mmCIF file of all heavy atoms, coordinates in Angstrom:
data_MODEL
# 
_entry.id   MODEL 
# 
loop_
_atom_site.group_PDB 
_atom_site.id 
_atom_site.type_symbol 
_atom_site.label_atom_id 
_atom_site.label_alt_id 
_atom_site.label_comp_id 
_atom_site.label_asym_id 
_atom_site.label_entity_id 
_atom_site.label_seq_id 
_atom_site.pdbx_PDB_ins_code 
_atom_site.Cartn_x 
_atom_site.Cartn_y 
_atom_site.Cartn_z 
_atom_site.occupancy 
_atom_site.B_iso_or_equiv 
_atom_site.pdbx_formal_charge 
_atom_site.auth_seq_id 
_atom_site.auth_comp_id 
_atom_site.auth_asym_id 
_atom_site.auth_atom_id 
_atom_site.pdbx_PDB_model_num 
ATOM 1   N N   . HIS A 1 1  ? 50.666 201.970 144.252 1.00 0.00 ? 1  HIS A N   1 
ATOM 2   C CA  . HIS A 1 1  ? 49.844 202.801 145.123 1.00 0.00 ? 1  HIS A CA  1 
ATOM 3   C C   . HIS A 1 1  ? 48.607 202.085 145.624 1.00 0.00 ? 1  HIS A C   1 
ATOM 4   O O   . HIS A 1 1  ? 47.883 201.465 144.805 1.00 0.00 ? 1  HIS A O   1 
ATOM 5   C CB  . HIS A 1 1  ? 49.411 204.009 144.255 1.00 0.00 ? 1  HIS A CB  1 
ATOM 6   C CG  . HIS A 1 1  ? 48.561 205.002 144.960 1.00 0.00 ? 1  HIS A CG  1 
ATOM 7   N ND1 . HIS A 1 1  ? 48.955 205.734 146.094 1.00 0.00 ? 1  HIS A ND1 1 
ATOM 8   C CD2 . HIS A 1 1  ? 47.243 205.224 144.856 1.00 0.00 ? 1  HIS A CD2 1 
ATOM 9   C CE1 . HIS A 1 1  ? 47.919 206.379 146.513 1.00 0.00 ? 1  HIS A CE1 1 
ATOM 10  N NE2 . HIS A 1 1  ? 46.888 206.139 145.785 1.00 0.00 ? 1  HIS A NE2 1 
ATOM 11  N N   . GLU A 1 2  ? 48.374 202.103 146.843 1.00 0.00 ? 2  GLU A N   1 
ATOM 12  C CA  . GLU A 1 2  ? 47.167 201.607 147.492 1.00 0.00 ? 2  GLU A CA  1 
ATOM 13  C C   . GLU A 1 2  ? 46.503 202.710 148.266 1.00 0.00 ? 2  GLU A C   1 
ATOM 14  O O   . GLU A 1 2  ? 47.144 203.455 148.975 1.00 0.00 ? 2  GLU A O   1 
ATOM 15  C CB  . GLU A 1 2  ? 47.488 200.415 148.404 1.00 0.00 ? 2  GLU A CB  1 
ATOM 16  C CG  . GLU A 1 2  ? 48.092 199.262 147.624 1.00 0.00 ? 2  GLU A CG  1 
ATOM 17  C CD  . GLU A 1 2  ? 48.547 198.159 148.500 1.00 0.00 ? 2  GLU A CD  1 
ATOM 18  O OE1 . GLU A 1 2  ? 48.859 198.355 149.730 1.00 0.00 ? 2  GLU A OE1 1 
ATOM 19  O OE2 . GLU A 1 2  ? 48.908 197.051 147.928 1.00 0.00 ? 2  GLU A OE2 1 
ATOM 20  N N   . LEU A 1 3  ? 45.162 202.842 148.193 1.00 0.00 ? 3  LEU A N   1 
ATOM 21  C CA  . LEU A 1 3  ? 44.435 203.942 148.841 1.00 0.00 ? 3  LEU A CA  1 
ATOM 22  C C   . LEU A 1 3  ? 44.482 203.770 150.330 1.00 0.00 ? 3  LEU A C   1 
ATOM 23  O O   . LEU A 1 3  ? 44.535 204.787 151.047 1.00 0.00 ? 3  LEU A O   1 
ATOM 24  C CB  . LEU A 1 3  ? 43.074 204.030 148.305 1.00 0.00 ? 3  LEU A CB  1 
ATOM 25  C CG  . LEU A 1 3  ? 42.894 204.206 146.790 1.00 0.00 ? 3  LEU A CG  1 
ATOM 26  C CD1 . LEU A 1 3  ? 41.466 204.283 146.379 1.00 0.00 ? 3  LEU A CD1 1 
ATOM 27  C CD2 . LEU A 1 3  ? 43.656 205.469 146.369 1.00 0.00 ? 3  LEU A CD2 1 
ATOM 28  N N   . VAL A 1 4  ? 44.364 202.557 150.749 1.00 0.00 ? 4  VAL A N   1 
ATOM 29  C CA  . VAL A 1 4  ? 44.388 202.201 152.212 1.00 0.00 ? 4  VAL A CA  1 
ATOM 30  C C   . VAL A 1 4  ? 45.174 200.950 152.351 1.00 0.00 ? 4  VAL A C   1 
ATOM 31  O O   . VAL A 1 4  ? 45.157 200.127 151.460 1.00 0.00 ? 4  VAL A O   1 
ATOM 32  C CB  . VAL A 1 4  ? 42.989 202.202 152.884 1.00 0.00 ? 4  VAL A CB  1 
ATOM 33  C CG1 . VAL A 1 4  ? 42.304 203.479 152.919 1.00 0.00 ? 4  VAL A CG1 1 
ATOM 34  C CG2 . VAL A 1 4  ? 42.179 201.079 152.334 1.00 0.00 ? 4  VAL A CG2 1 
ATOM 35  N N   . PRO A 1 5  ? 45.730 200.598 153.538 1.00 0.00 ? 5  PRO A N   1 
ATOM 36  C CA  . PRO A 1 5  ? 46.275 199.320 153.783 1.00 0.00 ? 5  PRO A CA  1 
ATOM 37  C C   . PRO A 1 5  ? 45.185 198.263 153.732 1.00 0.00 ? 5  PRO A C   1 
ATOM 38  O O   . PRO A 1 5  ? 43.962 198.627 154.027 1.00 0.00 ? 5  PRO A O   1 
ATOM 39  C CB  . PRO A 1 5  ? 46.861 199.429 155.168 1.00 0.00 ? 5  PRO A CB  1 
ATOM 40  C CG  . PRO A 1 5  ? 47.046 200.830 155.450 1.00 0.00 ? 5  PRO A CG  1 
ATOM 41  C CD  . PRO A 1 5  ? 45.903 201.523 154.654 1.00 0.00 ? 5  PRO A CD  1 
ATOM 42  N N   . ARG A 1 6  ? 45.512 197.053 153.535 1.00 0.00 ? 6  ARG A N   1 
ATOM 43  C CA  . ARG A 1 6  ? 44.487 195.986 153.484 1.00 0.00 ? 6  ARG A CA  1 
ATOM 44  C C   . ARG A 1 6  ? 43.969 195.800 154.957 1.00 0.00 ? 6  ARG A C   1 
ATOM 45  O O   . ARG A 1 6  ? 44.723 195.684 155.859 1.00 0.00 ? 6  ARG A O   1 
ATOM 46  C CB  . ARG A 1 6  ? 45.199 194.641 153.056 1.00 0.00 ? 6  ARG A CB  1 
ATOM 47  C CG  . ARG A 1 6  ? 44.164 193.470 153.078 1.00 0.00 ? 6  ARG A CG  1 
ATOM 48  C CD  . ARG A 1 6  ? 44.785 192.211 152.426 1.00 0.00 ? 6  ARG A CD  1 
ATOM 49  N NE  . ARG A 1 6  ? 45.203 192.417 151.097 1.00 0.00 ? 6  ARG A NE  1 
ATOM 50  C CZ  . ARG A 1 6  ? 46.494 192.045 150.751 1.00 0.00 ? 6  ARG A CZ  1 
ATOM 51  N NH1 . ARG A 1 6  ? 47.368 191.586 151.539 1.00 0.00 ? 6  ARG A NH1 1 
ATOM 52  N NH2 . ARG A 1 6  ? 46.801 192.379 149.485 1.00 0.00 ? 6  ARG A NH2 1 
ATOM 53  N N   . PRO A 1 7  ? 42.698 195.927 155.085 1.00 0.00 ? 7  PRO A N   1 
ATOM 54  C CA  . PRO A 1 7  ? 42.114 195.804 156.415 1.00 0.00 ? 7  PRO A CA  1 
ATOM 55  C C   . PRO A 1 7  ? 42.084 194.415 156.938 1.00 0.00 ? 7  PRO A C   1 
ATOM 56  O O   . PRO A 1 7  ? 42.119 193.433 156.209 1.00 0.00 ? 7  PRO A O   1 
ATOM 57  C CB  . PRO A 1 7  ? 40.593 196.297 156.312 1.00 0.00 ? 7  PRO A CB  1 
ATOM 58  C CG  . PRO A 1 7  ? 40.315 196.034 154.819 1.00 0.00 ? 7  PRO A CG  1 
ATOM 59  C CD  . PRO A 1 7  ? 41.634 196.125 154.069 1.00 0.00 ? 7  PRO A CD  1 
ATOM 60  N N   . GLU A 1 8  ? 42.027 194.329 158.342 1.00 0.00 ? 8  GLU A N   1 
ATOM 61  C CA  . GLU A 1 8  ? 41.762 192.977 158.923 1.00 0.00 ? 8  GLU A CA  1 
ATOM 62  C C   . GLU A 1 8  ? 40.368 192.486 158.464 1.00 0.00 ? 8  GLU A C   1 
ATOM 63  O O   . GLU A 1 8  ? 39.542 193.332 158.148 1.00 0.00 ? 8  GLU A O   1 
ATOM 64  C CB  . GLU A 1 8  ? 41.792 193.112 160.397 1.00 0.00 ? 8  GLU A CB  1 
ATOM 65  C CG  . GLU A 1 8  ? 43.152 193.541 160.953 1.00 0.00 ? 8  GLU A CG  1 
ATOM 66  C CD  . GLU A 1 8  ? 44.243 192.433 160.757 1.00 0.00 ? 8  GLU A CD  1 
ATOM 67  O OE1 . GLU A 1 8  ? 43.976 191.215 160.754 1.00 0.00 ? 8  GLU A OE1 1 
ATOM 68  O OE2 . GLU A 1 8  ? 45.433 192.833 160.475 1.00 0.00 ? 8  GLU A OE2 1 
ATOM 69  N N   . GLN A 1 9  ? 40.136 191.228 158.544 1.00 0.00 ? 9  GLN A N   1 
ATOM 70  C CA  . GLN A 1 9  ? 38.875 190.649 158.112 1.00 0.00 ? 9  GLN A CA  1 
ATOM 71  C C   . GLN A 1 9  ? 37.926 190.667 159.266 1.00 0.00 ? 9  GLN A C   1 
ATOM 72  O O   . GLN A 1 9  ? 37.461 189.578 159.698 1.00 0.00 ? 9  GLN A O   1 
ATOM 73  C CB  . GLN A 1 9  ? 39.025 189.414 157.427 1.00 0.00 ? 9  GLN A CB  1 
ATOM 74  C CG  . GLN A 1 9  ? 39.813 189.513 156.075 1.00 0.00 ? 9  GLN A CG  1 
ATOM 75  C CD  . GLN A 1 9  ? 39.959 188.221 155.371 1.00 0.00 ? 9  GLN A CD  1 
ATOM 76  O OE1 . GLN A 1 9  ? 39.260 187.242 155.562 1.00 0.00 ? 9  GLN A OE1 1 
ATOM 77  N NE2 . GLN A 1 9  ? 40.817 188.231 154.472 1.00 0.00 ? 9  GLN A NE2 1 
ATOM 78  N N   . THR A 1 10 ? 37.499 191.845 159.795 1.00 0.00 ? 10 THR A N   1 
ATOM 79  C CA  . THR A 1 10 ? 36.468 191.950 160.851 1.00 0.00 ? 10 THR A CA  1 
ATOM 80  C C   . THR A 1 10 ? 35.453 192.998 160.240 1.00 0.00 ? 10 THR A C   1 
ATOM 81  O O   . THR A 1 10 ? 35.824 193.872 159.440 1.00 0.00 ? 10 THR A O   1 
ATOM 82  C CB  . THR A 1 10 ? 37.054 192.486 162.092 1.00 0.00 ? 10 THR A CB  1 
ATOM 83  O OG1 . THR A 1 10 ? 37.533 193.859 161.912 1.00 0.00 ? 10 THR A OG1 1 
ATOM 84  C CG2 . THR A 1 10 ? 38.205 191.617 162.625 1.00 0.00 ? 10 THR A CG2 1 
ATOM 85  N N   . PRO A 1 11 ? 34.215 192.838 160.671 1.00 0.00 ? 11 PRO A N   1 
ATOM 86  C CA  . PRO A 1 11 ? 33.215 193.882 160.087 1.00 0.00 ? 11 PRO A CA  1 
ATOM 87  C C   . PRO A 1 11 ? 33.603 195.295 160.422 1.00 0.00 ? 11 PRO A C   1 
ATOM 88  O O   . PRO A 1 11 ? 33.475 196.154 159.422 1.00 0.00 ? 11 PRO A O   1 
ATOM 89  C CB  . PRO A 1 11 ? 31.944 193.486 160.960 1.00 0.00 ? 11 PRO A CB  1 
ATOM 90  C CG  . PRO A 1 11 ? 32.110 192.033 161.167 1.00 0.00 ? 11 PRO A CG  1 
ATOM 91  C CD  . PRO A 1 11 ? 33.561 191.810 161.509 1.00 0.00 ? 11 PRO A CD  1 
ATOM 92  N N   . ASP A 1 12 ? 34.114 195.703 161.512 1.00 0.00 ? 12 ASP A N   1 
ATOM 93  C CA  . ASP A 1 12 ? 34.576 197.061 161.760 1.00 0.00 ? 12 ASP A CA  1 
ATOM 94  C C   . ASP A 1 12 ? 35.658 197.533 160.919 1.00 0.00 ? 12 ASP A C   1 
ATOM 95  O O   . ASP A 1 12 ? 35.644 198.625 160.388 1.00 0.00 ? 12 ASP A O   1 
ATOM 96  C CB  . ASP A 1 12 ? 34.892 197.239 163.259 1.00 0.00 ? 12 ASP A CB  1 
ATOM 97  C CG  . ASP A 1 12 ? 33.637 197.176 164.212 1.00 0.00 ? 12 ASP A CG  1 
ATOM 98  O OD1 . ASP A 1 12 ? 32.528 197.320 163.723 1.00 0.00 ? 12 ASP A OD1 1 
ATOM 99  O OD2 . ASP A 1 12 ? 33.896 196.954 165.409 1.00 0.00 ? 12 ASP A OD2 1 
ATOM 100 N N   . ALA A 1 13 ? 36.673 196.689 160.727 1.00 0.00 ? 13 ALA A N   1 
ATOM 101 C CA  . ALA A 1 13 ? 37.880 197.076 159.911 1.00 0.00 ? 13 ALA A CA  1 
ATOM 102 C C   . ALA A 1 13 ? 37.388 197.167 158.411 1.00 0.00 ? 13 ALA A C   1 
ATOM 103 O O   . ALA A 1 13 ? 37.830 198.079 157.740 1.00 0.00 ? 13 ALA A O   1 
ATOM 104 C CB  . ALA A 1 13 ? 39.031 196.067 160.015 1.00 0.00 ? 13 ALA A CB  1 
ATOM 105 N N   . LEU A 1 14 ? 36.564 196.281 157.890 1.00 0.00 ? 14 LEU A N   1 
ATOM 106 C CA  . LEU A 1 14 ? 36.078 196.335 156.550 1.00 0.00 ? 14 LEU A CA  1 
ATOM 107 C C   . LEU A 1 14 ? 35.248 197.544 156.372 1.00 0.00 ? 14 LEU A C   1 
ATOM 108 O O   . LEU A 1 14 ? 35.426 198.256 155.361 1.00 0.00 ? 14 LEU A O   1 
ATOM 109 C CB  . LEU A 1 14 ? 35.325 195.007 156.248 1.00 0.00 ? 14 LEU A CB  1 
ATOM 110 C CG  . LEU A 1 14 ? 36.124 193.775 156.216 1.00 0.00 ? 14 LEU A CG  1 
ATOM 111 C CD1 . LEU A 1 14 ? 35.241 192.576 156.087 1.00 0.00 ? 14 LEU A CD1 1 
ATOM 112 C CD2 . LEU A 1 14 ? 37.185 193.838 155.074 1.00 0.00 ? 14 LEU A CD2 1 
ATOM 113 N N   . ARG A 1 15 ? 34.376 197.879 157.286 1.00 0.00 ? 15 ARG A N   1 
ATOM 114 C CA  . ARG A 1 15 ? 33.556 199.060 157.198 1.00 0.00 ? 15 ARG A CA  1 
ATOM 115 C C   . ARG A 1 15 ? 34.388 200.315 157.117 1.00 0.00 ? 15 ARG A C   1 
ATOM 116 O O   . ARG A 1 15 ? 34.179 201.215 156.333 1.00 0.00 ? 15 ARG A O   1 
ATOM 117 C CB  . ARG A 1 15 ? 32.541 199.142 158.357 1.00 0.00 ? 15 ARG A CB  1 
ATOM 118 C CG  . ARG A 1 15 ? 31.582 200.265 158.204 1.00 0.00 ? 15 ARG A CG  1 
ATOM 119 C CD  . ARG A 1 15 ? 30.576 200.388 159.387 1.00 0.00 ? 15 ARG A CD  1 
ATOM 120 N NE  . ARG A 1 15 ? 29.568 201.314 159.104 1.00 0.00 ? 15 ARG A NE  1 
ATOM 121 C CZ  . ARG A 1 15 ? 29.731 202.683 159.047 1.00 0.00 ? 15 ARG A CZ  1 
ATOM 122 N NH1 . ARG A 1 15 ? 30.889 203.231 159.039 1.00 0.00 ? 15 ARG A NH1 1 
ATOM 123 N NH2 . ARG A 1 15 ? 28.662 203.430 158.768 1.00 0.00 ? 15 ARG A NH2 1 
ATOM 124 N N   . ALA A 1 16 ? 35.430 200.381 157.963 1.00 0.00 ? 16 ALA A N   1 
ATOM 125 C CA  . ALA A 1 16 ? 36.279 201.573 157.994 1.00 0.00 ? 16 ALA A CA  1 
ATOM 126 C C   . ALA A 1 16 ? 36.994 201.739 156.723 1.00 0.00 ? 16 ALA A C   1 
ATOM 127 O O   . ALA A 1 16 ? 37.148 202.858 156.123 1.00 0.00 ? 16 ALA A O   1 
ATOM 128 C CB  . ALA A 1 16 ? 37.255 201.462 159.187 1.00 0.00 ? 16 ALA A CB  1 
ATOM 129 N N   . ALA A 1 17 ? 37.534 200.644 156.081 1.00 0.00 ? 17 ALA A N   1 
ATOM 130 C CA  . ALA A 1 17 ? 38.198 200.741 154.836 1.00 0.00 ? 17 ALA A CA  1 
ATOM 131 C C   . ALA A 1 17 ? 37.213 201.087 153.748 1.00 0.00 ? 17 ALA A C   1 
ATOM 132 O O   . ALA A 1 17 ? 37.561 201.983 152.828 1.00 0.00 ? 17 ALA A O   1 
ATOM 133 C CB  . ALA A 1 17 ? 38.798 199.379 154.474 1.00 0.00 ? 17 ALA A CB  1 
ATOM 134 N N   . LEU A 1 18 ? 36.034 200.538 153.712 1.00 0.00 ? 18 LEU A N   1 
ATOM 135 C CA  . LEU A 1 18 ? 35.018 200.886 152.722 1.00 0.00 ? 18 LEU A CA  1 
ATOM 136 C C   . LEU A 1 18 ? 34.621 202.296 152.805 1.00 0.00 ? 18 LEU A C   1 
ATOM 137 O O   . LEU A 1 18 ? 34.402 202.973 151.797 1.00 0.00 ? 18 LEU A O   1 
ATOM 138 C CB  . LEU A 1 18 ? 33.776 199.974 152.849 1.00 0.00 ? 18 LEU A CB  1 
ATOM 139 C CG  . LEU A 1 18 ? 32.818 200.081 151.720 1.00 0.00 ? 18 LEU A CG  1 
ATOM 140 C CD1 . LEU A 1 18 ? 33.383 199.613 150.356 1.00 0.00 ? 18 LEU A CD1 1 
ATOM 141 C CD2 . LEU A 1 18 ? 31.460 199.298 152.011 1.00 0.00 ? 18 LEU A CD2 1 
ATOM 142 N N   . ALA A 1 19 ? 34.526 202.894 153.959 1.00 0.00 ? 19 ALA A N   1 
ATOM 143 C CA  . ALA A 1 19 ? 34.180 204.296 154.151 1.00 0.00 ? 19 ALA A CA  1 
ATOM 144 C C   . ALA A 1 19 ? 35.232 205.223 153.402 1.00 0.00 ? 19 ALA A C   1 
ATOM 145 O O   . ALA A 1 19 ? 34.890 206.328 153.026 1.00 0.00 ? 19 ALA A O   1 
ATOM 146 C CB  . ALA A 1 19 ? 34.064 204.622 155.662 1.00 0.00 ? 19 ALA A CB  1 
ATOM 147 N N   . VAL A 1 20 ? 36.460 204.784 153.314 1.00 0.00 ? 20 VAL A N   1 
ATOM 148 C CA  . VAL A 1 20 ? 37.482 205.558 152.523 1.00 0.00 ? 20 VAL A CA  1 
ATOM 149 C C   . VAL A 1 20 ? 37.453 205.266 151.058 1.00 0.00 ? 20 VAL A C   1 
ATOM 150 O O   . VAL A 1 20 ? 37.490 206.240 150.268 1.00 0.00 ? 20 VAL A O   1 
ATOM 151 C CB  . VAL A 1 20 ? 38.888 205.181 153.125 1.00 0.00 ? 20 VAL A CB  1 
ATOM 152 C CG1 . VAL A 1 20 ? 39.962 205.942 152.296 1.00 0.00 ? 20 VAL A CG1 1 
ATOM 153 C CG2 . VAL A 1 20 ? 38.945 205.553 154.660 1.00 0.00 ? 20 VAL A CG2 1 
ATOM 154 N N   . VAL A 1 21 ? 37.383 204.005 150.627 1.00 0.00 ? 21 VAL A N   1 
ATOM 155 C CA  . VAL A 1 21 ? 37.496 203.620 149.245 1.00 0.00 ? 21 VAL A CA  1 
ATOM 156 C C   . VAL A 1 21 ? 36.323 203.676 148.396 1.00 0.00 ? 21 VAL A C   1 
ATOM 157 O O   . VAL A 1 21 ? 36.329 203.858 147.268 1.00 0.00 ? 21 VAL A O   1 
ATOM 158 C CB  . VAL A 1 21 ? 38.368 202.338 149.032 1.00 0.00 ? 21 VAL A CB  1 
ATOM 159 C CG1 . VAL A 1 21 ? 39.708 202.376 149.627 1.00 0.00 ? 21 VAL A CG1 1 
ATOM 160 C CG2 . VAL A 1 21 ? 37.488 201.085 149.598 1.00 0.00 ? 21 VAL A CG2 1 
ATOM 161 N N   . ALA A 1 22 ? 35.148 203.442 149.018 1.00 0.00 ? 22 ALA A N   1 
ATOM 162 C CA  . ALA A 1 22 ? 33.836 203.377 148.295 1.00 0.00 ? 22 ALA A CA  1 
ATOM 163 C C   . ALA A 1 22 ? 32.732 203.749 149.277 1.00 0.00 ? 22 ALA A C   1 
ATOM 164 O O   . ALA A 1 22 ? 31.894 202.904 149.525 1.00 0.00 ? 22 ALA A O   1 
ATOM 165 C CB  . ALA A 1 22 ? 33.619 202.068 147.600 1.00 0.00 ? 22 ALA A CB  1 
ATOM 166 N N   . PRO A 1 23 ? 32.666 204.960 149.768 1.00 0.00 ? 23 PRO A N   1 
ATOM 167 C CA  . PRO A 1 23 ? 31.705 205.295 150.849 1.00 0.00 ? 23 PRO A CA  1 
ATOM 168 C C   . PRO A 1 23 ? 30.187 205.084 150.307 1.00 0.00 ? 23 PRO A C   1 
ATOM 169 O O   . PRO A 1 23 ? 29.362 204.797 151.125 1.00 0.00 ? 23 PRO A O   1 
ATOM 170 C CB  . PRO A 1 23 ? 31.982 206.695 151.244 1.00 0.00 ? 23 PRO A CB  1 
ATOM 171 C CG  . PRO A 1 23 ? 32.825 207.221 150.145 1.00 0.00 ? 23 PRO A CG  1 
ATOM 172 C CD  . PRO A 1 23 ? 33.531 206.076 149.490 1.00 0.00 ? 23 PRO A CD  1 
ATOM 173 N N   . GLY A 1 24 ? 30.022 205.233 149.063 1.00 0.00 ? 24 GLY A N   1 
ATOM 174 C CA  . GLY A 1 24 ? 28.666 205.091 148.530 1.00 0.00 ? 24 GLY A CA  1 
ATOM 175 C C   . GLY A 1 24 ? 28.223 203.699 148.698 1.00 0.00 ? 24 GLY A C   1 
ATOM 176 O O   . GLY A 1 24 ? 26.929 203.374 148.647 1.00 0.00 ? 24 GLY A O   1 
ATOM 177 N N   . ARG A 1 25 ? 28.987 202.662 148.987 1.00 0.00 ? 25 ARG A N   1 
ATOM 178 C CA  . ARG A 1 25 ? 28.588 201.321 149.117 1.00 0.00 ? 25 ARG A CA  1 
ATOM 179 C C   . ARG A 1 25 ? 28.321 200.906 150.564 1.00 0.00 ? 25 ARG A C   1 
ATOM 180 O O   . ARG A 1 25 ? 27.952 199.792 150.845 1.00 0.00 ? 25 ARG A O   1 
ATOM 181 C CB  . ARG A 1 25 ? 29.703 200.360 148.544 1.00 0.00 ? 25 ARG A CB  1 
ATOM 182 C CG  . ARG A 1 25 ? 29.676 200.526 147.048 1.00 0.00 ? 25 ARG A CG  1 
ATOM 183 C CD  . ARG A 1 25 ? 30.562 199.464 146.359 1.00 0.00 ? 25 ARG A CD  1 
ATOM 184 N NE  . ARG A 1 25 ? 29.963 198.129 146.525 1.00 0.00 ? 25 ARG A NE  1 
ATOM 185 C CZ  . ARG A 1 25 ? 30.544 197.039 146.239 1.00 0.00 ? 25 ARG A CZ  1 
ATOM 186 N NH1 . ARG A 1 25 ? 31.791 197.019 145.910 1.00 0.00 ? 25 ARG A NH1 1 
ATOM 187 N NH2 . ARG A 1 25 ? 29.849 195.882 146.403 1.00 0.00 ? 25 ARG A NH2 1 
ATOM 188 N N   . LEU A 1 26 ? 28.434 201.887 151.492 1.00 0.00 ? 26 LEU A N   1 
ATOM 189 C CA  . LEU A 1 26 ? 28.219 201.514 152.892 1.00 0.00 ? 26 LEU A CA  1 
ATOM 190 C C   . LEU A 1 26 ? 26.764 201.039 153.160 1.00 0.00 ? 26 LEU A C   1 
ATOM 191 O O   . LEU A 1 26 ? 26.621 200.024 153.896 1.00 0.00 ? 26 LEU A O   1 
ATOM 192 C CB  . LEU A 1 26 ? 28.540 202.680 153.846 1.00 0.00 ? 26 LEU A CB  1 
ATOM 193 C CG  . LEU A 1 26 ? 30.033 202.971 153.983 1.00 0.00 ? 26 LEU A CG  1 
ATOM 194 C CD1 . LEU A 1 26 ? 30.202 204.318 154.651 1.00 0.00 ? 26 LEU A CD1 1 
ATOM 195 C CD2 . LEU A 1 26 ? 30.709 201.869 154.748 1.00 0.00 ? 26 LEU A CD2 1 
ATOM 196 N N   . PRO A 1 27 ? 25.719 201.601 152.634 1.00 0.00 ? 27 PRO A N   1 
ATOM 197 C CA  . PRO A 1 27 ? 24.401 201.078 152.822 1.00 0.00 ? 27 PRO A CA  1 
ATOM 198 C C   . PRO A 1 27 ? 24.176 199.613 152.333 1.00 0.00 ? 27 PRO A C   1 
ATOM 199 O O   . PRO A 1 27 ? 23.662 198.809 152.896 1.00 0.00 ? 27 PRO A O   1 
ATOM 200 C CB  . PRO A 1 27 ? 23.485 202.003 152.091 1.00 0.00 ? 27 PRO A CB  1 
ATOM 201 C CG  . PRO A 1 27 ? 24.280 203.355 151.949 1.00 0.00 ? 27 PRO A CG  1 
ATOM 202 C CD  . PRO A 1 27 ? 25.656 202.903 151.883 1.00 0.00 ? 27 PRO A CD  1 
ATOM 203 N N   . GLU A 1 28 ? 24.890 199.349 151.197 1.00 0.00 ? 28 GLU A N   1 
ATOM 204 C CA  . GLU A 1 28 ? 24.856 198.035 150.598 1.00 0.00 ? 28 GLU A CA  1 
ATOM 205 C C   . GLU A 1 28 ? 25.574 197.063 151.510 1.00 0.00 ? 28 GLU A C   1 
ATOM 206 O O   . GLU A 1 28 ? 25.099 195.897 151.821 1.00 0.00 ? 28 GLU A O   1 
ATOM 207 C CB  . GLU A 1 28 ? 25.570 197.961 149.239 1.00 0.00 ? 28 GLU A CB  1 
ATOM 208 C CG  . GLU A 1 28 ? 25.635 196.598 148.603 1.00 0.00 ? 28 GLU A CG  1 
ATOM 209 C CD  . GLU A 1 28 ? 26.571 196.621 147.349 1.00 0.00 ? 28 GLU A CD  1 
ATOM 210 O OE1 . GLU A 1 28 ? 27.056 197.688 146.922 1.00 0.00 ? 28 GLU A OE1 1 
ATOM 211 O OE2 . GLU A 1 28 ? 26.776 195.551 146.826 1.00 0.00 ? 28 GLU A OE2 1 
ATOM 212 N N   . MET A 1 29 ? 26.677 197.441 152.103 1.00 0.00 ? 29 MET A N   1 
ATOM 213 C CA  . MET A 1 29 ? 27.427 196.627 153.030 1.00 0.00 ? 29 MET A CA  1 
ATOM 214 C C   . MET A 1 29 ? 26.567 196.312 154.295 1.00 0.00 ? 29 MET A C   1 
ATOM 215 O O   . MET A 1 29 ? 26.465 195.095 154.701 1.00 0.00 ? 29 MET A O   1 
ATOM 216 C CB  . MET A 1 29 ? 28.723 197.269 153.449 1.00 0.00 ? 29 MET A CB  1 
ATOM 217 C CG  . MET A 1 29 ? 29.466 196.472 154.486 1.00 0.00 ? 29 MET A CG  1 
ATOM 218 S SD  . MET A 1 29 ? 30.877 197.393 155.106 1.00 0.00 ? 29 MET A SD  1 
ATOM 219 C CE  . MET A 1 29 ? 32.259 196.211 154.650 1.00 0.00 ? 29 MET A CE  1 
# 
């Protein structure tokens, strides 16, 4: 089981994935 597919390694794709799996870390990112 994976919560989201592995994102592409771009800032936008990483941010979108983080918003799903660990939204509390968005300010740190």
